[in-house]
């Protein structure tokens, strides 16, 4: 199983990022998280996703292309 943490500002772009991952076979893992980024004066979102993958893990693996 491989794991990714998707993050972005709290905009529709974040929802699109998560939706794209789900369309590529990733599954939600846990609840989303929200936090205020005081330096940039925005809310930030995070959502963990996982995917079954039978290939050996490699740090060079580009998870977003899986």
PDB file of N, CA and C in Angstrom:
ATOM      1  N   UNK A   1       0.848  -1.174   0.000  1.00  0.00           N
ATOM      2  CA  UNK A   1       0.000   0.000   0.000  1.00  0.00           C
ATOM      3  C   UNK A   1       0.893   1.237   0.000  1.00  0.00           C
ATOM      4  N   UNK A   2       0.516   2.236  -0.795  1.00  0.00           N
ATOM      5  CA  UNK A   2       1.260   3.489  -0.809  1.00  0.00           C
ATOM      6  C   UNK A   2       0.378   4.603  -0.243  1.00  0.00           C
ATOM      7  N   UNK A   3       1.005   5.619   0.290  1.00  0.00           N
ATOM      8  CA  UNK A   3       0.343   6.678   1.044  1.00  0.00           C
ATOM      9  C   UNK A   3       0.747   8.031   0.497  1.00  0.00           C
ATOM     10  N   UNK A   4      -0.230   8.935   0.407  1.00  0.00           N
ATOM     11  CA  UNK A   4       0.036  10.331   0.006  1.00  0.00           C
ATOM     12  C   UNK A   4      -0.728  11.243   0.938  1.00  0.00           C
ATOM     13  N   UNK A   5      -0.184  12.418   1.171  1.00  0.00           N
ATOM     14  CA  UNK A   5      -0.897  13.457   1.896  1.00  0.00           C
ATOM     15  C   UNK A   5      -1.085  14.621   0.939  1.00  0.00           C
ATOM     16  N   UNK A   6      -2.331  14.839   0.554  1.00  0.00           N
ATOM     17  CA  UNK A   6      -2.662  15.931  -0.354  1.00  0.00           C
ATOM     18  C   UNK A   6      -2.888  17.189   0.475  1.00  0.00           C
ATOM     19  N   UNK A   7      -2.301  18.303   0.058  1.00  0.00           N
ATOM     20  CA  UNK A   7      -2.471  19.567   0.776  1.00  0.00           C
ATOM     21  C   UNK A   7      -2.670  20.698  -0.221  1.00  0.00           C
ATOM     22  N   UNK A   8      -3.386  21.723   0.216  1.00  0.00           N
ATOM     23  CA  UNK A   8      -3.589  22.914  -0.616  1.00  0.00           C
ATOM     24  C   UNK A   8      -4.378  23.929   0.196  1.00  0.00           C
ATOM     25  N   UNK A   9      -4.472  25.140  -0.351  1.00  0.00           N
ATOM     26  CA  UNK A   9      -5.349  26.136   0.249  1.00  0.00           C
ATOM     27  C   UNK A   9      -6.789  25.624   0.185  1.00  0.00           C
ATOM     28  N   UNK A  10      -7.638  26.124   1.071  1.00  0.00           N
ATOM     29  CA  UNK A  10      -9.043  25.717   1.127  1.00  0.00           C
ATOM     30  C   UNK A  10      -9.820  26.401  -0.005  1.00  0.00           C
ATOM     31  N   UNK A  11      -9.678  25.839  -1.208  1.00  0.00           N
ATOM     32  CA  UNK A  11     -10.376  26.335  -2.390  1.00  0.00           C
ATOM     33  C   UNK A  11     -10.923  25.129  -3.150  1.00  0.00           C
ATOM     34  N   UNK A  12     -11.628  25.394  -4.225  1.00  0.00           N
ATOM     35  CA  UNK A  12     -12.141  24.291  -5.038  1.00  0.00           C
ATOM     36  C   UNK A  12     -10.990  23.491  -5.650  1.00  0.00           C
ATOM     37  N   UNK A  13      -9.823  24.098  -5.806  1.00  0.00           N
ATOM     38  CA  UNK A  13      -8.670  23.373  -6.351  1.00  0.00           C
ATOM     39  C   UNK A  13      -8.286  22.196  -5.452  1.00  0.00           C
ATOM     40  N   UNK A  14      -8.443  22.361  -4.146  1.00  0.00           N
ATOM     41  CA  UNK A  14      -8.149  21.248  -3.235  1.00  0.00           C
ATOM     42  C   UNK A  14      -9.134  20.108  -3.482  1.00  0.00           C
ATOM     43  N   UNK A  15     -10.409  20.433  -3.589  1.00  0.00           N
ATOM     44  CA  UNK A  15     -11.423  19.406  -3.850  1.00  0.00           C
ATOM     45  C   UNK A  15     -11.143  18.706  -5.174  1.00  0.00           C
ATOM     46  N   UNK A  16     -10.723  19.454  -6.172  1.00  0.00           N
ATOM     47  CA  UNK A  16     -10.397  18.866  -7.469  1.00  0.00           C
ATOM     48  C   UNK A  16      -9.196  17.937  -7.358  1.00  0.00           C
ATOM     49  N   UNK A  17      -8.213  18.318  -6.542  1.00  0.00           N
ATOM     50  CA  UNK A  17      -7.027  17.473  -6.337  1.00  0.00           C
ATOM     51  C   UNK A  17      -7.419  16.142  -5.709  1.00  0.00           C
ATOM     52  N   UNK A  18      -8.287  16.191  -4.697  1.00  0.00           N
ATOM     53  CA  UNK A  18      -8.745  14.968  -4.039  1.00  0.00           C
ATOM     54  C   UNK A  18      -9.591  14.144  -5.008  1.00  0.00           C
ATOM     55  N   UNK A  19     -10.488  14.786  -5.736  1.00  0.00           N
ATOM     56  CA  UNK A  19     -11.341  14.078  -6.696  1.00  0.00           C
ATOM     57  C   UNK A  19     -10.503  13.390  -7.779  1.00  0.00           C
ATOM     58  N   UNK A  20      -9.459  14.057  -8.245  1.00  0.00           N
ATOM     59  CA  UNK A  20      -8.576  13.454  -9.245  1.00  0.00           C
ATOM     60  C   UNK A  20      -7.898  12.203  -8.689  1.00  0.00           C
ATOM     61  N   UNK A  21      -7.430  12.283  -7.446  1.00  0.00           N
ATOM     62  CA  UNK A  21      -6.795  11.115  -6.828  1.00  0.00           C
ATOM     63  C   UNK A  21      -7.794   9.962  -6.709  1.00  0.00           C
ATOM     64  N   UNK A  22      -9.022  10.256  -6.314  1.00  0.00           N
ATOM     65  CA  UNK A  22     -10.042   9.211  -6.189  1.00  0.00           C
ATOM     66  C   UNK A  22     -10.335   8.590  -7.556  1.00  0.00           C
ATOM     67  N   UNK A  23     -10.376   9.402  -8.596  1.00  0.00           N
ATOM     68  CA  UNK A  23     -10.623   8.897  -9.947  1.00  0.00           C
ATOM     69  C   UNK A  23      -9.491   7.991 -10.428  1.00  0.00           C
ATOM     70  N   UNK A  24      -8.291   8.176  -9.874  1.00  0.00           N
ATOM     71  CA  UNK A  24      -7.139   7.348 -10.247  1.00  0.00           C
ATOM     72  C   UNK A  24      -6.997   6.121  -9.352  1.00  0.00           C
ATOM     73  N   UNK A  25      -8.002   5.868  -8.509  1.00  0.00           N
ATOM     74  CA  UNK A  25      -7.986   4.651  -7.706  1.00  0.00           C
ATOM     75  C   UNK A  25      -7.494   4.800  -6.278  1.00  0.00           C
ATOM     76  N   UNK A  26      -7.131   6.014  -5.867  1.00  0.00           N
ATOM     77  CA  UNK A  26      -6.732   6.248  -4.487  1.00  0.00           C
ATOM     78  C   UNK A  26      -7.981   6.216  -3.613  1.00  0.00           C
ATOM     79  N   UNK A  27      -7.830   5.877  -2.342  1.00  0.00           N
ATOM     80  CA  UNK A  27      -8.940   5.840  -1.392  1.00  0.00           C
ATOM     81  C   UNK A  27      -8.640   6.781  -0.241  1.00  0.00           C
ATOM     82  N   UNK A  28      -9.695   7.425   0.269  1.00  0.00           N
ATOM     83  CA  UNK A  28      -9.525   8.307   1.420  1.00  0.00           C
ATOM     84  C   UNK A  28      -9.007   7.512   2.608  1.00  0.00           C
ATOM     85  N   UNK A  29      -8.142   8.133   3.393  1.00  0.00           N
ATOM     86  CA  UNK A  29      -7.589   7.498   4.581  1.00  0.00           C
ATOM     87  C   UNK A  29      -7.732   8.490   5.728  1.00  0.00           C
ATOM     88  N   UNK A  30      -8.699   8.269   6.575  1.00  0.00           N
ATOM     89  CA  UNK A  30      -8.931   9.173   7.695  1.00  0.00           C
ATOM     90  C   UNK A  30      -9.711  10.408   7.283  1.00  0.00           C
ATOM     91  N   UNK A  31      -9.861  11.298   8.226  1.00  0.00           N
ATOM     92  CA  UNK A  31     -10.617  12.525   8.018  1.00  0.00           C
ATOM     93  C   UNK A  31      -9.720  13.627   7.462  1.00  0.00           C
ATOM     94  N   UNK A  32     -10.320  14.587   6.758  1.00  0.00           N
ATOM     95  CA  UNK A  32      -9.529  15.735   6.314  1.00  0.00           C
ATOM     96  C   UNK A  32      -9.131  16.596   7.507  1.00  0.00           C
ATOM     97  N   UNK A  33      -8.099  17.383   7.327  1.00  0.00           N
ATOM     98  CA  UNK A  33      -7.637  18.295   8.386  1.00  0.00           C
ATOM     99  C   UNK A  33      -7.596  19.707   7.827  1.00  0.00           C
ATOM    100  N   UNK A  34      -7.852  20.686   8.687  1.00  0.00           N
ATOM    101  CA  UNK A  34      -7.833  22.093   8.313  1.00  0.00           C
ATOM    102  C   UNK A  34      -7.003  22.850   9.321  1.00  0.00           C
ATOM    103  N   UNK A  35      -6.256  23.826   8.857  1.00  0.00           N
ATOM    104  CA  UNK A  35      -5.451  24.647   9.763  1.00  0.00           C
ATOM    105  C   UNK A  35      -5.289  26.035   9.149  1.00  0.00           C
ATOM    106  N   UNK A  36      -5.161  27.006  10.007  1.00  0.00           N
ATOM    107  CA  UNK A  36      -4.963  28.374   9.552  1.00  0.00           C
ATOM    108  C   UNK A  36      -3.477  28.618   9.325  1.00  0.00           C
ATOM    109  N   UNK A  37      -3.117  29.090   8.142  1.00  0.00           N
ATOM    110  CA  UNK A  37      -1.748  29.432   7.780  1.00  0.00           C
ATOM    111  C   UNK A  37      -1.609  30.943   7.994  1.00  0.00           C
ATOM    112  N   UNK A  38      -1.103  31.337   9.149  1.00  0.00           N
ATOM    113  CA  UNK A  38      -1.021  32.753   9.510  1.00  0.00           C
ATOM    114  C   UNK A  38      -0.057  33.520   8.601  1.00  0.00           C
ATOM    115  N   UNK A  39       0.984  32.871   8.136  1.00  0.00           N
ATOM    116  CA  UNK A  39       1.960  33.542   7.287  1.00  0.00           C
ATOM    117  C   UNK A  39       1.328  33.997   5.966  1.00  0.00           C
ATOM    118  N   UNK A  40       0.433  33.174   5.423  1.00  0.00           N
ATOM    119  CA  UNK A  40      -0.209  33.493   4.148  1.00  0.00           C
ATOM    120  C   UNK A  40      -1.664  33.928   4.314  1.00  0.00           C
ATOM    121  N   UNK A  41      -2.154  33.941   5.552  1.00  0.00           N
ATOM    122  CA  UNK A  41      -3.507  34.394   5.871  1.00  0.00           C
ATOM    123  C   UNK A  41      -4.585  33.599   5.116  1.00  0.00           C
ATOM    124  N   UNK A  42      -4.426  32.270   5.078  1.00  0.00           N
ATOM    125  CA  UNK A  42      -5.391  31.392   4.419  1.00  0.00           C
ATOM    126  C   UNK A  42      -5.612  30.136   5.249  1.00  0.00           C
ATOM    127  N   UNK A  43      -6.730  29.493   5.020  1.00  0.00           N
ATOM    128  CA  UNK A  43      -6.952  28.164   5.588  1.00  0.00           C
ATOM    129  C   UNK A  43      -6.308  27.153   4.656  1.00  0.00           C
ATOM    130  N   UNK A  44      -5.691  26.125   5.230  1.00  0.00           N
ATOM    131  CA  UNK A  44      -5.060  25.058   4.455  1.00  0.00           C
ATOM    132  C   UNK A  44      -5.788  23.752   4.762  1.00  0.00           C
ATOM    133  N   UNK A  45      -5.863  22.885   3.777  1.00  0.00           N
ATOM    134  CA  UNK A  45      -6.531  21.588   3.907  1.00  0.00           C
ATOM    135  C   UNK A  45      -5.520  20.470   3.677  1.00  0.00           C
ATOM    136  N   UNK A  46      -5.806  19.328   4.278  1.00  0.00           N
ATOM    137  CA  UNK A  46      -5.002  18.133   4.052  1.00  0.00           C
ATOM    138  C   UNK A  46      -5.913  16.914   4.067  1.00  0.00           C
ATOM    139  N   UNK A  47      -5.628  15.978   3.188  1.00  0.00           N
ATOM    140  CA  UNK A  47      -6.360  14.713   3.147  1.00  0.00           C
ATOM    141  C   UNK A  47      -5.400  13.607   2.782  1.00  0.00           C
ATOM    142  N   UNK A  48      -5.340  12.596   3.633  1.00  0.00           N
ATOM    143  CA  UNK A  48      -4.510  11.433   3.335  1.00  0.00           C
ATOM    144  C   UNK A  48      -5.281  10.497   2.416  1.00  0.00           C
ATOM    145  N   UNK A  49      -4.558   9.888   1.480  1.00  0.00           N
ATOM    146  CA  UNK A  49      -5.123   8.888   0.585  1.00  0.00           C
ATOM    147  C   UNK A  49      -4.150   7.720   0.489  1.00  0.00           C
ATOM    148  N   UNK A  50      -4.685   6.540   0.224  1.00  0.00           N
ATOM    149  CA  UNK A  50      -3.863   5.334   0.077  1.00  0.00           C
ATOM    150  C   UNK A  50      -4.292   4.595  -1.178  1.00  0.00           C
ATOM    151  N   UNK A  51      -3.380   3.736  -1.648  1.00  0.00           N
ATOM    152  CA  UNK A  51      -3.670   2.936  -2.837  1.00  0.00           C
ATOM    153  C   UNK A  51      -2.915   1.622  -2.726  1.00  0.00           C
ATOM    154  N   UNK A  52      -3.601   0.559  -3.070  1.00  0.00           N
ATOM    155  CA  UNK A  52      -2.939  -0.743  -3.117  1.00  0.00           C
ATOM    156  C   UNK A  52      -1.964  -0.730  -4.281  1.00  0.00           C
ATOM    157  N   UNK A  53      -0.758  -1.113  -4.028  1.00  0.00           N
ATOM    158  CA  UNK A  53       0.260  -1.138  -5.078  1.00  0.00           C
ATOM    159  C   UNK A  53       1.175  -2.313  -4.791  1.00  0.00           C
ATOM    160  N   UNK A  54       1.331  -3.171  -5.766  1.00  0.00           N
ATOM    161  CA  UNK A  54       2.132  -4.373  -5.541  1.00  0.00           C
ATOM    162  C   UNK A  54       3.573  -4.228  -6.003  1.00  0.00           C
ATOM    163  N   UNK A  55       3.924  -3.079  -6.558  1.00  0.00           N
ATOM    164  CA  UNK A  55       5.314  -2.845  -6.948  1.00  0.00           C
ATOM    165  C   UNK A  55       6.132  -2.513  -5.702  1.00  0.00           C
ATOM    166  N   UNK A  56       7.383  -2.888  -5.653  1.00  0.00           N
ATOM    167  CA  UNK A  56       8.224  -2.543  -4.508  1.00  0.00           C
ATOM    168  C   UNK A  56       8.324  -1.026  -4.353  1.00  0.00           C
ATOM    169  N   UNK A  57       8.302  -0.559  -3.130  1.00  0.00           N
ATOM    170  CA  UNK A  57       8.395   0.881  -2.878  1.00  0.00           C
ATOM    171  C   UNK A  57       9.796   1.382  -3.215  1.00  0.00           C
ATOM    172  N   UNK A  58       9.840   2.555  -3.798  1.00  0.00           N
ATOM    173  CA  UNK A  58      11.104   3.221  -4.102  1.00  0.00           C
ATOM    174  C   UNK A  58      10.927   4.704  -3.809  1.00  0.00           C
ATOM    175  N   UNK A  59      11.892   5.350  -3.139  1.00  0.00           N
ATOM    176  CA  UNK A  59      11.759   6.797  -2.872  1.00  0.00           C
ATOM    177  C   UNK A  59      11.643   7.630  -4.146  1.00  0.00           C
ATOM    178  N   UNK A  60      12.088   7.104  -5.286  1.00  0.00           N
ATOM    179  CA  UNK A  60      11.990   7.832  -6.545  1.00  0.00           C
ATOM    180  C   UNK A  60      10.585   7.762  -7.154  1.00  0.00           C
ATOM    181  N   UNK A  61       9.720   6.931  -6.566  1.00  0.00           N
ATOM    182  CA  UNK A  61       8.370   6.742  -7.077  1.00  0.00           C
ATOM    183  C   UNK A  61       7.608   8.065  -7.046  1.00  0.00           C
ATOM    184  N   UNK A  62       7.012   8.472  -8.153  1.00  0.00           N
ATOM    185  CA  UNK A  62       6.191   9.679  -8.209  1.00  0.00           C
ATOM    186  C   UNK A  62       4.768   9.267  -7.866  1.00  0.00           C
ATOM    187  N   UNK A  63       4.378   9.511  -6.617  1.00  0.00           N
ATOM    188  CA  UNK A  63       3.114   9.003  -6.111  1.00  0.00           C
ATOM    189  C   UNK A  63       1.911   9.571  -6.851  1.00  0.00           C
ATOM    190  N   UNK A  64       1.976  10.817  -7.261  1.00  0.00           N
ATOM    191  CA  UNK A  64       0.863  11.418  -7.967  1.00  0.00           C
ATOM    192  C   UNK A  64       0.587  10.789  -9.322  1.00  0.00           C
ATOM    193  N   UNK A  65       1.544  10.085  -9.868  1.00  0.00           N
ATOM    194  CA  UNK A  65       1.361   9.437 -11.166  1.00  0.00           C
ATOM    195  C   UNK A  65       0.971   7.985 -11.017  1.00  0.00           C
ATOM    196  N   UNK A  66       0.808   7.516  -9.825  1.00  0.00           N
ATOM    197  CA  UNK A  66       0.437   6.123  -9.579  1.00  0.00           C
ATOM    198  C   UNK A  66      -1.039   5.914  -9.778  1.00  0.00           C
TER     199      UNK A  66
END
